[in-house]
């Protein structure tokens, strides 16, 4: 079941060729390694650009996270936990 979260989270990411790639996130004190990025898109919200990523964790859980370029904050938007 997909659950809406909308909580600020910590994310480790790298930028290569002008694109950001999340590598790990921390949510509720647990670190989740990104196994695969399954989708990415962006939205313009006023003058800010928000980058969205759907990712598969190494434990087969799905996460939708976003990065707001105005606030520099990562947010866990939605989650689908397998277990």
PDB file of N, CA and C in Angstrom:
ATOM      1  N   UNK A   1       0.840  -1.174   0.000  1.00  0.00           N
ATOM      2  CA  UNK A   1       0.000   0.000   0.000  1.00  0.00           C
ATOM      3  C   UNK A   1       0.890   1.245   0.000  1.00  0.00           C
ATOM      4  N   UNK A   2       0.566   2.175  -0.864  1.00  0.00           N
ATOM      5  CA  UNK A   2       1.321   3.414  -0.926  1.00  0.00           C
ATOM      6  C   UNK A   2       0.846   4.335   0.187  1.00  0.00           C
ATOM      7  N   UNK A   3       1.817   4.885   0.915  1.00  0.00           N
ATOM      8  CA  UNK A   3       1.511   5.779   2.022  1.00  0.00           C
ATOM      9  C   UNK A   3       2.152   7.141   1.751  1.00  0.00           C
ATOM     10  N   UNK A   4       1.378   8.197   1.926  1.00  0.00           N
ATOM     11  CA  UNK A   4       1.906   9.548   1.784  1.00  0.00           C
ATOM     12  C   UNK A   4       2.595   9.945   3.079  1.00  0.00           C
ATOM     13  N   UNK A   5       3.839  10.437   2.976  1.00  0.00           N
ATOM     14  CA  UNK A   5       4.645  10.751   4.155  1.00  0.00           C
ATOM     15  C   UNK A   5       4.887  12.256   4.280  1.00  0.00           C
ATOM     16  N   UNK A   6       5.506  12.867   3.288  1.00  0.00           N
ATOM     17  CA  UNK A   6       5.859  14.305   3.284  1.00  0.00           C
ATOM     18  C   UNK A   6       6.656  14.728   4.514  1.00  0.00           C
ATOM     19  N   UNK A   7       7.798  14.048   4.740  1.00  0.00           N
ATOM     20  CA  UNK A   7       8.722  14.378   5.831  1.00  0.00           C
ATOM     21  C   UNK A   7      10.081  14.731   5.255  1.00  0.00           C
ATOM     22  N   UNK A   8      10.747  15.713   5.884  1.00  0.00           N
ATOM     23  CA  UNK A   8      12.112  16.034   5.487  1.00  0.00           C
ATOM     24  C   UNK A   8      13.018  14.850   5.828  1.00  0.00           C
ATOM     25  N   UNK A   9      13.928  14.529   4.936  1.00  0.00           N
ATOM     26  CA  UNK A   9      14.850  13.412   5.136  1.00  0.00           C
ATOM     27  C   UNK A   9      16.257  13.845   4.750  1.00  0.00           C
ATOM     28  N   UNK A  10      17.235  13.024   5.133  1.00  0.00           N
ATOM     29  CA  UNK A  10      18.614  13.232   4.708  1.00  0.00           C
ATOM     30  C   UNK A  10      18.882  12.334   3.505  1.00  0.00           C
ATOM     31  N   UNK A  11      19.553  12.884   2.516  1.00  0.00           N
ATOM     32  CA  UNK A  11      19.872  12.124   1.307  1.00  0.00           C
ATOM     33  C   UNK A  11      21.326  12.365   0.937  1.00  0.00           C
ATOM     34  N   UNK A  12      22.010  11.304   0.590  1.00  0.00           N
ATOM     35  CA  UNK A  12      23.349  11.415   0.020  1.00  0.00           C
ATOM     36  C   UNK A  12      23.184  11.232  -1.480  1.00  0.00           C
ATOM     37  N   UNK A  13      23.703  12.192  -2.238  1.00  0.00           N
ATOM     38  CA  UNK A  13      23.566  12.118  -3.693  1.00  0.00           C
ATOM     39  C   UNK A  13      24.860  12.585  -4.351  1.00  0.00           C
ATOM     40  N   UNK A  14      24.985  12.277  -5.622  1.00  0.00           N
ATOM     41  CA  UNK A  14      26.105  12.766  -6.419  1.00  0.00           C
ATOM     42  C   UNK A  14      25.536  13.467  -7.646  1.00  0.00           C
ATOM     43  N   UNK A  15      26.325  14.378  -8.177  1.00  0.00           N
ATOM     44  CA  UNK A  15      25.953  15.055  -9.417  1.00  0.00           C
ATOM     45  C   UNK A  15      26.966  14.654 -10.485  1.00  0.00           C
ATOM     46  N   UNK A  16      26.457  14.110 -11.569  1.00  0.00           N
ATOM     47  CA  UNK A  16      27.320  13.768 -12.696  1.00  0.00           C
ATOM     48  C   UNK A  16      26.659  14.264 -13.973  1.00  0.00           C
ATOM     49  N   UNK A  17      27.446  14.882 -14.795  1.00  0.00           N
ATOM     50  CA  UNK A  17      26.953  15.432 -16.060  1.00  0.00           C
ATOM     51  C   UNK A  17      25.730  16.318 -15.860  1.00  0.00           C
ATOM     52  N   UNK A  18      25.728  17.092 -14.793  1.00  0.00           N
ATOM     53  CA  UNK A  18      24.647  18.021 -14.536  1.00  0.00           C
ATOM     54  C   UNK A  18      23.377  17.395 -13.989  1.00  0.00           C
ATOM     55  N   UNK A  19      23.401  16.103 -13.655  1.00  0.00           N
ATOM     56  CA  UNK A  19      22.215  15.428 -13.115  1.00  0.00           C
ATOM     57  C   UNK A  19      22.513  14.906 -11.718  1.00  0.00           C
ATOM     58  N   UNK A  20      21.503  15.002 -10.855  1.00  0.00           N
ATOM     59  CA  UNK A  20      21.626  14.542  -9.483  1.00  0.00           C
ATOM     60  C   UNK A  20      21.156  13.081  -9.403  1.00  0.00           C
ATOM     61  N   UNK A  21      21.905  12.289  -8.616  1.00  0.00           N
ATOM     62  CA  UNK A  21      21.568  10.873  -8.451  1.00  0.00           C
ATOM     63  C   UNK A  21      21.584  10.523  -6.965  1.00  0.00           C
ATOM     64  N   UNK A  22      20.423  10.310  -6.357  1.00  0.00           N
ATOM     65  CA  UNK A  22      20.392   9.889  -4.953  1.00  0.00           C
ATOM     66  C   UNK A  22      21.053   8.519  -4.779  1.00  0.00           C
ATOM     67  N   UNK A  23      21.860   8.395  -3.727  1.00  0.00           N
ATOM     68  CA  UNK A  23      22.542   7.128  -3.446  1.00  0.00           C
ATOM     69  C   UNK A  23      21.989   6.440  -2.204  1.00  0.00           C
ATOM     70  N   UNK A  24      21.695   7.248  -1.176  1.00  0.00           N
ATOM     71  CA  UNK A  24      21.174   6.714   0.099  1.00  0.00           C
ATOM     72  C   UNK A  24      20.245   7.742   0.707  1.00  0.00           C
ATOM     73  N   UNK A  25      19.305   7.254   1.523  1.00  0.00           N
ATOM     74  CA  UNK A  25      18.457   8.165   2.282  1.00  0.00           C
ATOM     75  C   UNK A  25      18.337   7.638   3.698  1.00  0.00           C
ATOM     76  N   UNK A  26      18.066   8.563   4.596  1.00  0.00           N
ATOM     77  CA  UNK A  26      17.854   8.196   5.997  1.00  0.00           C
ATOM     78  C   UNK A  26      16.442   8.621   6.374  1.00  0.00           C
ATOM     79  N   UNK A  27      15.675   7.645   6.864  1.00  0.00           N
ATOM     80  CA  UNK A  27      14.301   7.901   7.276  1.00  0.00           C
ATOM     81  C   UNK A  27      14.039   7.107   8.552  1.00  0.00           C
ATOM     82  N   UNK A  28      13.533   7.772   9.565  1.00  0.00           N
ATOM     83  CA  UNK A  28      13.259   7.154  10.867  1.00  0.00           C
ATOM     84  C   UNK A  28      14.494   6.447  11.419  1.00  0.00           C
ATOM     85  N   UNK A  29      15.660   7.046  11.215  1.00  0.00           N
ATOM     86  CA  UNK A  29      16.906   6.508  11.733  1.00  0.00           C
ATOM     87  C   UNK A  29      17.469   5.340  10.939  1.00  0.00           C
ATOM     88  N   UNK A  30      16.792   4.914   9.879  1.00  0.00           N
ATOM     89  CA  UNK A  30      17.277   3.802   9.063  1.00  0.00           C
ATOM     90  C   UNK A  30      17.857   4.322   7.755  1.00  0.00           C
ATOM     91  N   UNK A  31      18.969   3.742   7.346  1.00  0.00           N
ATOM     92  CA  UNK A  31      19.601   4.107   6.085  1.00  0.00           C
ATOM     93  C   UNK A  31      19.147   3.126   5.008  1.00  0.00           C
ATOM     94  N   UNK A  32      18.697   3.676   3.904  1.00  0.00           N
ATOM     95  CA  UNK A  32      18.247   2.865   2.774  1.00  0.00           C
ATOM     96  C   UNK A  32      19.166   3.138   1.596  1.00  0.00           C
ATOM     97  N   UNK A  33      19.808   2.099   1.079  1.00  0.00           N
ATOM     98  CA  UNK A  33      20.633   2.248  -0.115  1.00  0.00           C
ATOM     99  C   UNK A  33      19.748   2.163  -1.349  1.00  0.00           C
ATOM    100  N   UNK A  34      20.015   3.038  -2.300  1.00  0.00           N
ATOM    101  CA  UNK A  34      19.242   3.045  -3.543  1.00  0.00           C
ATOM    102  C   UNK A  34      19.756   1.930  -4.443  1.00  0.00           C
ATOM    103  N   UNK A  35      18.877   1.014  -4.761  1.00  0.00           N
ATOM    104  CA  UNK A  35      19.234  -0.075  -5.663  1.00  0.00           C
ATOM    105  C   UNK A  35      19.097   0.392  -7.119  1.00  0.00           C
ATOM    106  N   UNK A  36      18.002   1.141  -7.367  1.00  0.00           N
ATOM    107  CA  UNK A  36      17.755   1.592  -8.740  1.00  0.00           C
ATOM    108  C   UNK A  36      16.841   2.808  -8.721  1.00  0.00           C
ATOM    109  N   UNK A  37      17.117   3.758  -9.580  1.00  0.00           N
ATOM    110  CA  UNK A  37      16.201   4.892  -9.793  1.00  0.00           C
ATOM    111  C   UNK A  37      15.248   4.461 -10.891  1.00  0.00           C
ATOM    112  N   UNK A  38      13.955   4.397 -10.566  1.00  0.00           N
ATOM    113  CA  UNK A  38      12.981   3.891 -11.529  1.00  0.00           C
ATOM    114  C   UNK A  38      12.273   5.005 -12.293  1.00  0.00           C
ATOM    115  N   UNK A  39      12.444   6.235 -11.845  1.00  0.00           N
ATOM    116  CA  UNK A  39      11.834   7.355 -12.562  1.00  0.00           C
ATOM    117  C   UNK A  39      12.332   8.669 -12.003  1.00  0.00           C
ATOM    118  N   UNK A  40      12.342   9.686 -12.833  1.00  0.00           N
ATOM    119  CA  UNK A  40      12.703  11.023 -12.369  1.00  0.00           C
ATOM    120  C   UNK A  40      12.000  12.042 -13.245  1.00  0.00           C
ATOM    121  N   UNK A  41      11.557  13.111 -12.607  1.00  0.00           N
ATOM    122  CA  UNK A  41      10.873  14.189 -13.294  1.00  0.00           C
ATOM    123  C   UNK A  41      11.042  15.453 -12.467  1.00  0.00           C
ATOM    124  N   UNK A  42      10.645  16.564 -13.023  1.00  0.00           N
ATOM    125  CA  UNK A  42      10.762  17.825 -12.289  1.00  0.00           C
ATOM    126  C   UNK A  42       9.538  18.688 -12.556  1.00  0.00           C
ATOM    127  N   UNK A  43       9.281  19.571 -11.591  1.00  0.00           N
ATOM    128  CA  UNK A  43       8.169  20.511 -11.698  1.00  0.00           C
ATOM    129  C   UNK A  43       8.688  21.891 -11.358  1.00  0.00           C
ATOM    130  N   UNK A  44       8.163  22.875 -12.029  1.00  0.00           N
ATOM    131  CA  UNK A  44       8.451  24.262 -11.670  1.00  0.00           C
ATOM    132  C   UNK A  44       7.356  24.721 -10.724  1.00  0.00           C
ATOM    133  N   UNK A  45       7.762  25.200  -9.564  1.00  0.00           N
ATOM    134  CA  UNK A  45       6.818  25.731  -8.586  1.00  0.00           C
ATOM    135  C   UNK A  45       7.224  27.171  -8.312  1.00  0.00           C
ATOM    136  N   UNK A  46       6.571  28.093  -8.988  1.00  0.00           N
ATOM    137  CA  UNK A  46       6.991  29.493  -8.927  1.00  0.00           C
ATOM    138  C   UNK A  46       8.359  29.612  -9.579  1.00  0.00           C
ATOM    139  N   UNK A  47       9.281  30.221  -8.864  1.00  0.00           N
ATOM    140  CA  UNK A  47      10.631  30.353  -9.394  1.00  0.00           C
ATOM    141  C   UNK A  47      11.518  29.159  -9.036  1.00  0.00           C
ATOM    142  N   UNK A  48      11.008  28.270  -8.225  1.00  0.00           N
ATOM    143  CA  UNK A  48      11.788  27.108  -7.801  1.00  0.00           C
ATOM    144  C   UNK A  48      11.530  25.923  -8.724  1.00  0.00           C
ATOM    145  N   UNK A  49      12.507  25.044  -8.765  1.00  0.00           N
ATOM    146  CA  UNK A  49      12.374  23.799  -9.508  1.00  0.00           C
ATOM    147  C   UNK A  49      12.472  22.669  -8.486  1.00  0.00           C
ATOM    148  N   UNK A  50      11.540  21.737  -8.548  1.00  0.00           N
ATOM    149  CA  UNK A  50      11.520  20.600  -7.634  1.00  0.00           C
ATOM    150  C   UNK A  50      11.795  19.344  -8.456  1.00  0.00           C
ATOM    151  N   UNK A  51      12.787  18.572  -7.991  1.00  0.00           N
ATOM    152  CA  UNK A  51      13.211  17.357  -8.679  1.00  0.00           C
ATOM    153  C   UNK A  51      12.653  16.143  -7.950  1.00  0.00           C
ATOM    154  N   UNK A  52      11.986  15.284  -8.658  1.00  0.00           N
ATOM    155  CA  UNK A  52      11.364  14.091  -8.067  1.00  0.00           C
ATOM    156  C   UNK A  52      12.082  12.840  -8.562  1.00  0.00           C
ATOM    157  N   UNK A  53      12.170  11.866  -7.656  1.00  0.00           N
ATOM    158  CA  UNK A  53      12.781  10.579  -7.996  1.00  0.00           C
ATOM    159  C   UNK A  53      11.935   9.466  -7.407  1.00  0.00           C
ATOM    160  N   UNK A  54      11.666   8.454  -8.189  1.00  0.00           N
ATOM    161  CA  UNK A  54      11.108   7.233  -7.612  1.00  0.00           C
ATOM    162  C   UNK A  54      12.258   6.235  -7.585  1.00  0.00           C
ATOM    163  N   UNK A  55      12.437   5.633  -6.416  1.00  0.00           N
ATOM    164  CA  UNK A  55      13.604   4.768  -6.253  1.00  0.00           C
ATOM    165  C   UNK A  55      13.197   3.436  -5.616  1.00  0.00           C
ATOM    166  N   UNK A  56      13.967   2.438  -5.937  1.00  0.00           N
ATOM    167  CA  UNK A  56      13.809   1.113  -5.358  1.00  0.00           C
ATOM    168  C   UNK A  56      14.949   0.921  -4.371  1.00  0.00           C
ATOM    169  N   UNK A  57      14.599   0.656  -3.109  1.00  0.00           N
ATOM    170  CA  UNK A  57      15.613   0.373  -2.111  1.00  0.00           C
ATOM    171  C   UNK A  57      16.125  -1.037  -2.260  1.00  0.00           C
ATOM    172  N   UNK A  58      17.279  -1.309  -1.635  1.00  0.00           N
ATOM    173  CA  UNK A  58      17.847  -2.656  -1.778  1.00  0.00           C
ATOM    174  C   UNK A  58      17.000  -3.725  -1.091  1.00  0.00           C
ATOM    175  N   UNK A  59      16.026  -3.306  -0.271  1.00  0.00           N
ATOM    176  CA  UNK A  59      15.132  -4.271   0.375  1.00  0.00           C
ATOM    177  C   UNK A  59      13.789  -4.363  -0.346  1.00  0.00           C
ATOM    178  N   UNK A  60      13.727  -3.880  -1.603  1.00  0.00           N
ATOM    179  CA  UNK A  60      12.546  -3.930  -2.473  1.00  0.00           C
ATOM    180  C   UNK A  60      11.430  -2.981  -2.056  1.00  0.00           C
ATOM    181  N   UNK A  61      11.697  -2.028  -1.170  1.00  0.00           N
ATOM    182  CA  UNK A  61      10.720  -0.991  -0.859  1.00  0.00           C
ATOM    183  C   UNK A  61      10.857   0.134  -1.893  1.00  0.00           C
ATOM    184  N   UNK A  62       9.719   0.769  -2.218  1.00  0.00           N
ATOM    185  CA  UNK A  62       9.726   1.887  -3.161  1.00  0.00           C
ATOM    186  C   UNK A  62       9.562   3.199  -2.411  1.00  0.00           C
ATOM    187  N   UNK A  63      10.279   4.208  -2.862  1.00  0.00           N
ATOM    188  CA  UNK A  63      10.223   5.524  -2.251  1.00  0.00           C
ATOM    189  C   UNK A  63      10.078   6.571  -3.352  1.00  0.00           C
ATOM    190  N   UNK A  64       9.293   7.594  -3.072  1.00  0.00           N
ATOM    191  CA  UNK A  64       9.244   8.760  -3.944  1.00  0.00           C
ATOM    192  C   UNK A  64       9.782   9.918  -3.130  1.00  0.00           C
ATOM    193  N   UNK A  65      10.881  10.496  -3.589  1.00  0.00           N
ATOM    194  CA  UNK A  65      11.522  11.593  -2.861  1.00  0.00           C
ATOM    195  C   UNK A  65      11.613  12.799  -3.786  1.00  0.00           C
ATOM    196  N   UNK A  66      11.782  13.979  -3.192  1.00  0.00           N
ATOM    197  CA  UNK A  66      11.951  15.170  -4.017  1.00  0.00           C
ATOM    198  C   UNK A  66      12.945  16.115  -3.370  1.00  0.00           C
ATOM    199  N   UNK A  67      13.546  16.925  -4.209  1.00  0.00           N
ATOM    200  CA  UNK A  67      14.515  17.928  -3.786  1.00  0.00           C
ATOM    201  C   UNK A  67      14.041  19.284  -4.272  1.00  0.00           C
ATOM    202  N   UNK A  68      13.858  20.205  -3.329  1.00  0.00           N
ATOM    203  CA  UNK A  68      13.407  21.557  -3.651  1.00  0.00           C
ATOM    204  C   UNK A  68      14.637  22.454  -3.795  1.00  0.00           C
ATOM    205  N   UNK A  69      14.863  22.967  -4.985  1.00  0.00           N
ATOM    206  CA  UNK A  69      16.057  23.785  -5.230  1.00  0.00           C
ATOM    207  C   UNK A  69      15.997  25.130  -4.506  1.00  0.00           C
ATOM    208  N   UNK A  70      14.836  25.550  -4.079  1.00  0.00           N
ATOM    209  CA  UNK A  70      14.703  26.824  -3.364  1.00  0.00           C
ATOM    210  C   UNK A  70      15.105  26.670  -1.898  1.00  0.00           C
ATOM    211  N   UNK A  71      14.634  25.595  -1.256  1.00  0.00           N
ATOM    212  CA  UNK A  71      14.902  25.394   0.174  1.00  0.00           C
ATOM    213  C   UNK A  71      16.103  24.489   0.428  1.00  0.00           C
ATOM    214  N   UNK A  72      16.545  23.759  -0.600  1.00  0.00           N
ATOM    215  CA  UNK A  72      17.639  22.783  -0.507  1.00  0.00           C
ATOM    216  C   UNK A  72      17.283  21.641   0.443  1.00  0.00           C
ATOM    217  N   UNK A  73      16.019  21.316   0.518  1.00  0.00           N
ATOM    218  CA  UNK A  73      15.524  20.260   1.407  1.00  0.00           C
ATOM    219  C   UNK A  73      15.020  19.077   0.593  1.00  0.00           C
ATOM    220  N   UNK A  74      15.437  17.880   1.047  1.00  0.00           N
ATOM    221  CA  UNK A  74      14.907  16.639   0.490  1.00  0.00           C
ATOM    222  C   UNK A  74      13.678  16.233   1.310  1.00  0.00           C
ATOM    223  N   UNK A  75      12.689  15.716   0.624  1.00  0.00           N
ATOM    224  CA  UNK A  75      11.459  15.280   1.281  1.00  0.00           C
ATOM    225  C   UNK A  75      11.097  13.873   0.807  1.00  0.00           C
ATOM    226  N   UNK A  76      10.696  13.044   1.763  1.00  0.00           N
ATOM    227  CA  UNK A  76      10.129  11.743   1.416  1.00  0.00           C
ATOM    228  C   UNK A  76       8.643  11.979   1.175  1.00  0.00           C
ATOM    229  N   UNK A  77       8.222  11.843  -0.060  1.00  0.00           N
ATOM    230  CA  UNK A  77       6.834  12.142  -0.425  1.00  0.00           C
ATOM    231  C   UNK A  77       5.933  10.946  -0.146  1.00  0.00           C
ATOM    232  N   UNK A  78       6.293   9.799  -0.711  1.00  0.00           N
ATOM    233  CA  UNK A  78       5.452   8.607  -0.560  1.00  0.00           C
ATOM    234  C   UNK A  78       6.349   7.380  -0.431  1.00  0.00           C
ATOM    235  N   UNK A  79       5.790   6.339   0.127  1.00  0.00           N
ATOM    236  CA  UNK A  79       6.545   5.115   0.310  1.00  0.00           C
ATOM    237  C   UNK A  79       5.614   3.918   0.127  1.00  0.00           C
ATOM    238  N   UNK A  80       6.187   2.837  -0.364  1.00  0.00           N
ATOM    239  CA  UNK A  80       5.487   1.557  -0.477  1.00  0.00           C
ATOM    240  C   UNK A  80       6.438   0.522   0.102  1.00  0.00           C
ATOM    241  N   UNK A  81       6.116   0.055   1.304  1.00  0.00           N
ATOM    242  CA  UNK A  81       6.982  -0.902   1.987  1.00  0.00           C
ATOM    243  C   UNK A  81       6.535  -2.319   1.688  1.00  0.00           C
ATOM    244  N   UNK A  82       7.477  -3.151   1.305  1.00  0.00           N
ATOM    245  CA  UNK A  82       7.180  -4.552   0.972  1.00  0.00           C
ATOM    246  C   UNK A  82       6.894  -5.391   2.206  1.00  0.00           C
ATOM    247  N   UNK A  83       7.594  -5.115   3.279  1.00  0.00           N
ATOM    248  CA  UNK A  83       7.502  -6.010   4.430  1.00  0.00           C
ATOM    249  C   UNK A  83       6.546  -5.691   5.463  1.00  0.00           C
TER     250      UNK A  83
END
